[in-house]
Protein backbone atom coordinates (compact mmCIF):
# COMPACT_ATOMS: atom_id res chain seq x y z
CA UNK A 1 -44.86 97.48 90.57
CA UNK A 2 -43.19 96.44 93.85
CA UNK A 3 -44.16 98.39 96.96
CA UNK A 4 -40.64 99.73 97.76
CA UNK A 5 -40.51 101.21 94.27
CA UNK A 6 -43.83 102.98 94.82
CA UNK A 7 -42.69 104.55 98.06
CA UNK A 8 -39.34 105.58 96.60
CA UNK A 9 -41.18 107.29 93.74
CA UNK A 10 -43.41 109.16 96.20
CA UNK A 11 -40.50 110.41 98.30
CA UNK A 12 -38.59 111.42 95.17
CA UNK A 13 -41.58 113.43 93.99
CA UNK A 14 -41.90 115.27 97.31
CA UNK A 15 -38.22 116.23 97.16
CA UNK A 16 -38.59 117.29 93.52
CA UNK A 17 -41.55 119.55 94.34
CA UNK A 18 -39.60 121.30 97.11
CA UNK A 19 -36.56 121.86 94.89
CA UNK A 20 -38.57 123.04 91.90
CA UNK A 21 -40.49 125.48 94.12
CA UNK A 22 -37.19 127.09 95.04
CA UNK A 23 -36.11 127.00 91.39
CA UNK A 24 -39.38 128.65 90.31
CA UNK A 25 -38.76 131.41 92.83
CA UNK A 26 -35.40 132.11 91.20
CA UNK A 27 -37.01 132.05 87.76
CA UNK A 28 -39.63 134.56 88.88
CA UNK A 29 -36.89 136.89 90.11
CA UNK A 30 -34.97 136.52 86.84
CA UNK A 31 -38.08 136.92 84.66
CA UNK A 32 -38.42 140.49 85.89
CA UNK A 33 -35.14 141.35 84.12
CA UNK A 34 -34.78 138.89 81.24
CA UNK A 35 -37.03 137.61 78.42
CA UNK A 36 -38.99 134.41 79.16
CA UNK A 37 -37.14 132.32 76.55
CA UNK A 38 -33.78 133.47 77.95
CA UNK A 39 -34.87 132.44 81.44
CA UNK A 40 -35.71 129.00 80.04
CA UNK A 41 -32.27 128.82 78.44
CA UNK A 42 -30.53 129.93 81.65
CA UNK A 43 -32.37 127.27 83.61
CA UNK A 44 -30.87 124.53 81.39
CA UNK A 45 -27.47 126.11 80.77
CA UNK A 46 -26.71 126.57 84.47
CA UNK A 47 -27.60 122.95 85.31
CA UNK A 48 -25.87 121.39 82.30
CA UNK A 49 -22.30 121.25 83.78
CA UNK A 50 -23.64 119.49 86.89
CA UNK A 51 -25.62 117.08 84.75
CA UNK A 52 -22.54 116.24 82.65
CA UNK A 53 -20.48 115.59 85.78
CA UNK A 54 -23.23 113.40 87.20
CA UNK A 55 -23.60 111.36 84.00
CA UNK A 56 -19.80 110.92 83.80
CA UNK A 57 -19.69 109.81 87.44
CA UNK A 58 -22.41 107.25 86.68
CA UNK A 59 -20.39 105.95 83.73
CA UNK A 60 -23.13 106.75 81.25
CA UNK A 61 -21.38 109.18 78.87
CA UNK A 62 -20.11 106.46 76.57
CA UNK A 63 -23.62 105.16 75.88
CA UNK A 64 -25.37 108.55 75.73
CA UNK A 65 -26.27 108.08 72.05
CA UNK A 66 -28.12 104.83 72.74
CA UNK A 67 -31.51 106.39 73.35
CA UNK A 68 -34.93 106.61 71.75
CA UNK A 69 -34.35 109.73 69.69
CA UNK A 70 -37.95 110.38 68.74
CA UNK A 71 -39.12 110.62 72.34
CA UNK A 72 -35.99 112.42 73.53
CA UNK A 73 -36.47 115.13 70.87
CA UNK A 74 -40.18 115.40 71.69
CA UNK A 75 -39.40 115.81 75.39
CA UNK A 76 -36.78 118.45 74.61
CA UNK A 77 -39.30 120.50 72.59
CA UNK A 78 -41.88 120.13 75.35
CA UNK A 79 -39.31 121.22 77.94
CA UNK A 80 -38.49 124.40 76.01
CA UNK A 81 -42.15 125.32 75.62
CA UNK A 82 -42.98 124.50 79.25
CA UNK A 83 -40.17 126.57 80.75
CA UNK A 84 -40.74 129.57 78.47
CA UNK A 85 -44.49 129.59 79.10
CA UNK A 86 -44.02 129.20 82.84
CA UNK A 87 -41.41 131.97 83.01
CA UNK A 88 -43.78 134.25 81.09
CA UNK A 89 -46.74 133.40 83.32
CA UNK A 90 -45.07 133.98 86.68
CA UNK A 91 -44.12 137.52 85.69
CA UNK A 92 -47.67 138.62 86.42
CA UNK A 93 -48.91 135.91 88.77
CA UNK A 94 -47.86 135.04 92.30
CA UNK A 95 -46.33 131.60 92.80
CA UNK A 96 -49.48 130.44 94.61
CA UNK A 97 -51.71 131.57 91.72
CA UNK A 98 -49.42 129.99 89.13
CA UNK A 99 -49.24 126.70 91.01
CA UNK A 100 -53.00 126.61 91.47
CA UNK A 101 -53.56 126.85 87.71
CA UNK A 102 -50.69 124.45 87.01
CA UNK A 103 -52.40 121.84 89.18
CA UNK A 104 -54.57 120.87 86.22
CA UNK A 105 -51.52 118.79 85.18
CA UNK A 106 -52.17 115.75 87.44
CA UNK A 107 -55.62 115.29 85.93
CA UNK A 108 -54.14 115.52 82.44
CA UNK A 109 -51.40 113.04 83.36
CA UNK A 110 -53.94 110.60 84.76
CA UNK A 111 -56.09 110.81 81.64
CA UNK A 112 -53.07 110.36 79.38
CA UNK A 113 -51.74 107.44 81.45
CA UNK A 114 -55.03 105.62 81.03
CA UNK A 115 -55.13 106.40 77.31
CA UNK A 116 -51.50 105.69 76.34
CA UNK A 117 -50.06 103.54 79.14
CA UNK A 118 -53.20 101.49 79.83
CA UNK A 119 -52.82 102.06 83.56
CA UNK A 120 -55.57 101.13 85.97
CA UNK A 121 -56.35 104.09 88.18
CA UNK A 122 -58.01 102.94 91.38
CA UNK A 123 -60.67 104.76 93.34
CA UNK A 124 -58.22 106.14 95.91
CA UNK A 125 -56.13 107.92 93.26
CA UNK A 126 -59.18 109.29 91.46
CA UNK A 127 -60.49 110.54 94.81
CA UNK A 128 -57.22 112.32 95.58
CA UNK A 129 -57.18 113.93 92.12
CA UNK A 130 -60.83 115.03 92.16
CA UNK A 131 -60.54 116.45 95.68
CA UNK A 132 -57.34 118.23 94.73
CA UNK A 133 -58.95 119.77 91.64
CA UNK A 134 -61.86 120.90 93.79
CA UNK A 135 -59.33 122.77 95.89
CA UNK A 136 -57.92 124.37 92.74
CA UNK A 137 -61.41 125.60 91.81
CA UNK A 138 -61.72 127.18 95.26
CA UNK A 139 -58.38 128.98 94.80
CA UNK A 140 -59.45 130.24 91.37
CA UNK A 141 -62.79 131.43 92.82
CA UNK A 142 -66.11 129.89 91.79
CA UNK A 143 -66.22 132.15 88.73
CA UNK A 144 -62.73 131.16 87.59
CA UNK A 145 -61.61 134.80 87.66
CA UNK A 146 -58.02 135.19 86.52
CA UNK A 147 -58.01 131.88 84.65
CA UNK A 148 -58.23 133.50 81.22
CA UNK A 149 -55.58 136.17 81.71
CA UNK A 150 -52.57 135.98 79.40
CA UNK A 151 -50.41 134.82 82.31
CA UNK A 152 -53.00 132.23 83.29
CA UNK A 153 -53.21 130.85 79.75
CA UNK A 154 -49.41 130.61 79.64
CA UNK A 155 -49.41 128.55 82.83
CA UNK A 156 -52.14 126.31 81.39
CA UNK A 157 -49.98 125.75 78.30
CA UNK A 158 -47.01 124.91 80.54
CA UNK A 159 -49.16 122.40 82.43
CA UNK A 160 -50.18 120.68 79.19
CA UNK A 161 -46.54 120.42 78.08
CA UNK A 162 -45.58 119.05 81.49
CA UNK A 163 -48.29 116.37 81.37
CA UNK A 164 -47.20 115.06 77.98
CA UNK A 165 -43.54 115.21 79.07
CA UNK A 166 -44.33 113.15 82.18
CA UNK A 167 -45.91 110.41 80.09
CA UNK A 168 -42.93 110.52 77.72
CA UNK A 169 -40.51 110.15 80.64
CA UNK A 170 -42.44 107.11 81.85
CA UNK A 171 -42.16 105.47 78.42
CA UNK A 172 -38.47 106.38 78.16
CA UNK A 173 -37.89 104.81 81.56
CA UNK A 174 -38.59 101.41 80.01
CA UNK A 175 -35.66 101.61 77.58
CA UNK A 176 -33.34 104.53 78.39
CA UNK A 177 -31.17 105.10 81.44
CA UNK A 178 -32.46 107.81 83.74
CA UNK A 179 -29.09 109.60 83.40
CA UNK A 180 -29.64 109.86 79.66
CA UNK A 181 -33.19 111.15 80.13
CA UNK A 182 -31.90 114.00 82.28
CA UNK A 183 -28.85 114.69 80.10
CA UNK A 184 -30.68 114.96 76.80
CA UNK A 185 -33.44 117.10 78.27
CA UNK A 186 -30.89 119.63 79.53
CA UNK A 187 -28.83 119.50 76.33
CA UNK A 188 -31.82 119.96 74.04
CA UNK A 189 -33.28 122.80 76.12
CA UNK A 190 -29.86 124.48 76.34
CA UNK A 191 -29.38 124.43 72.58
CA UNK A 192 -32.98 125.02 71.53
CA UNK A 193 -33.92 127.72 74.03
CA UNK A 194 -30.58 129.54 73.60
CA UNK A 195 -31.05 129.64 69.84
CA UNK A 196 -34.59 130.96 70.15
CA UNK A 197 -33.56 133.53 72.77
CA UNK A 198 -30.46 134.74 70.89
CA UNK A 199 -32.12 137.59 68.90
CA UNK A 200 -33.35 139.26 72.12
CA UNK A 201 -30.59 138.12 74.49
CA UNK A 202 -29.91 140.47 77.41
CA UNK A 203 -26.43 140.47 78.96
CA UNK A 204 -26.45 138.77 82.34
CA UNK A 205 -25.07 140.92 85.14
CA UNK A 206 -22.62 139.68 87.79
CA UNK A 207 -25.13 140.72 90.45
CA UNK A 208 -27.29 137.81 89.34
CA UNK A 209 -24.52 135.21 89.82
CA UNK A 210 -25.93 133.97 93.17
CA UNK A 211 -29.34 133.50 91.55
CA UNK A 212 -27.79 131.55 88.67
CA UNK A 213 -25.93 129.29 91.11
CA UNK A 214 -29.17 128.63 93.00
CA UNK A 215 -30.92 127.96 89.69
CA UNK A 216 -28.22 125.43 88.76
CA UNK A 217 -28.32 123.46 92.00
CA UNK A 218 -32.10 123.37 92.50
CA UNK A 219 -32.73 122.64 88.82
CA UNK A 220 -30.16 119.84 88.71
CA UNK A 221 -31.23 118.08 91.91
CA UNK A 222 -34.91 118.63 91.16
CA UNK A 223 -34.55 117.10 87.70
CA UNK A 224 -32.85 114.02 89.13
CA UNK A 225 -35.60 113.62 91.70
CA UNK A 226 -38.51 114.04 89.29
CA UNK A 227 -36.94 111.71 86.73
CA UNK A 228 -36.55 109.11 89.47
CA UNK A 229 -40.18 109.63 90.50
CA UNK A 230 -41.67 109.18 87.03
CA UNK A 231 -39.28 106.37 86.09
CA UNK A 232 -40.09 104.26 89.15
CA UNK A 233 -43.68 105.27 89.83
CA UNK A 234 -46.87 105.29 87.81
CA UNK A 235 -47.58 108.86 86.67
CA UNK A 236 -51.15 108.71 87.96
CA UNK A 237 -49.77 107.85 91.42
CA UNK A 238 -46.95 110.39 91.81
CA UNK A 239 -48.44 113.30 89.85
CA UNK A 240 -50.99 114.34 92.53
CA UNK A 241 -48.08 115.08 94.87
CA UNK A 242 -47.54 118.22 92.79
CA UNK A 243 -50.29 119.69 94.95
CA UNK A 244 -47.83 120.12 97.82
CA UNK A 245 -46.14 122.87 95.77
CA UNK A 246 -48.94 125.24 96.80
CA UNK A 247 -47.72 125.26 100.38
CA UNK A 248 -44.26 126.19 99.14
CA UNK A 249 -45.70 128.87 96.87
CA UNK A 250 -47.71 130.53 99.62
CA UNK A 251 -44.74 130.51 101.99
CA UNK A 252 -42.30 131.90 99.43
CA UNK A 253 -44.78 134.58 98.29
CA UNK A 254 -45.10 135.79 101.86
CA UNK A 255 -41.37 135.58 102.61
CA UNK A 256 -40.10 137.37 99.49
CA UNK A 257 -42.98 139.55 98.28
CA UNK A 258 -45.02 140.01 101.47
CA UNK A 259 -48.06 138.66 99.64
CA UNK A 260 -50.51 136.90 101.91
CA UNK A 261 -53.13 134.59 100.41
CA UNK A 262 -56.80 135.42 100.88
CA UNK A 263 -59.25 133.03 102.52
CA UNK A 264 -60.13 131.37 99.21
CA UNK A 265 -56.49 130.46 98.66
CA UNK A 266 -56.10 129.20 102.23
CA UNK A 267 -59.20 126.99 102.01
CA UNK A 268 -58.18 125.69 98.61
CA UNK A 269 -54.65 125.03 99.82
CA UNK A 270 -55.97 123.01 102.75
CA UNK A 271 -58.09 120.88 100.41
CA UNK A 272 -55.24 120.35 97.94
CA UNK A 273 -52.63 119.47 100.55
CA UNK A 274 -55.13 117.19 102.30
CA UNK A 275 -55.67 115.26 99.08
CA UNK A 276 -51.91 114.78 98.70
CA UNK A 277 -51.53 113.55 102.27
CA UNK A 278 -54.42 111.15 101.73
CA UNK A 279 -52.70 109.69 98.68
CA UNK A 280 -49.40 109.26 100.53
CA UNK A 281 -51.14 107.50 103.43
CA UNK A 282 -53.05 105.25 101.05
CA UNK A 283 -49.93 104.20 99.14
CA UNK A 284 -47.99 103.68 102.38
CA UNK A 285 -50.72 101.50 103.92
CA UNK A 286 -51.07 99.56 100.67
CA UNK A 287 -47.31 98.98 100.57
CA UNK A 288 -47.29 97.71 104.15
CA UNK A 289 -50.17 95.37 103.37
CA UNK A 290 -48.27 93.88 100.45
CA UNK A 291 -45.02 93.56 102.43
CA UNK A 292 -45.84 93.05 106.13
């Protein structure tokens, strides 16, 4: 892969993490009043009009049926499961706790990329991943307390779905337009999650309109950014940047719920963020070496 493409993927991933952290905050607020599957449906339904406008602006509506249906359907099912599990998990967990458990995803993505995509993962990337996971262990405490709670298991399930979805997006990037990848994910989640949530649907109040607007914008822009990241970059390279979400989680927890992390979380956060910064510096220096 050319160096400019690598750097563009890294920057896209950083933007995606910031936007999805804000989106997750909205989902946590909504999950206190609506069932988890309905929250998953609302996440897709609110973004869908923006996605349709974007795809039309890009001139990709006419060819929207020219996609790999098997992988698109698989990614839609994974998206439904991931969002519902995550919405369920963050009901009981703080954002920082949820993100810390979710950070198992980069290791899963790296393993899957080696297995299915035949990527070569160099020592620098493995170092960043291992150091980042060590930080996750610190956040979870040496005993792993809280890992096996129902909320924790839900977040683990969401992480597994996310990892497989990331690999699927990388494969789709070889044949399908990125606009179609985003469009069909939102369409399939909208239809699938809405159908599953219908029996227990709770009427949405007008007071939640600002939250739904925020959900639409952050979800739409975040999806564009993360699709760009995984389409242009190797999953094993961009996935560790998910670790930067912990900084967002800690800040949002304190701002909205006056929850301050303990010293374990602070130490773990420092390790995790440090590993992400190391990876960015490594990729940047490597890109400059290739293109002086």
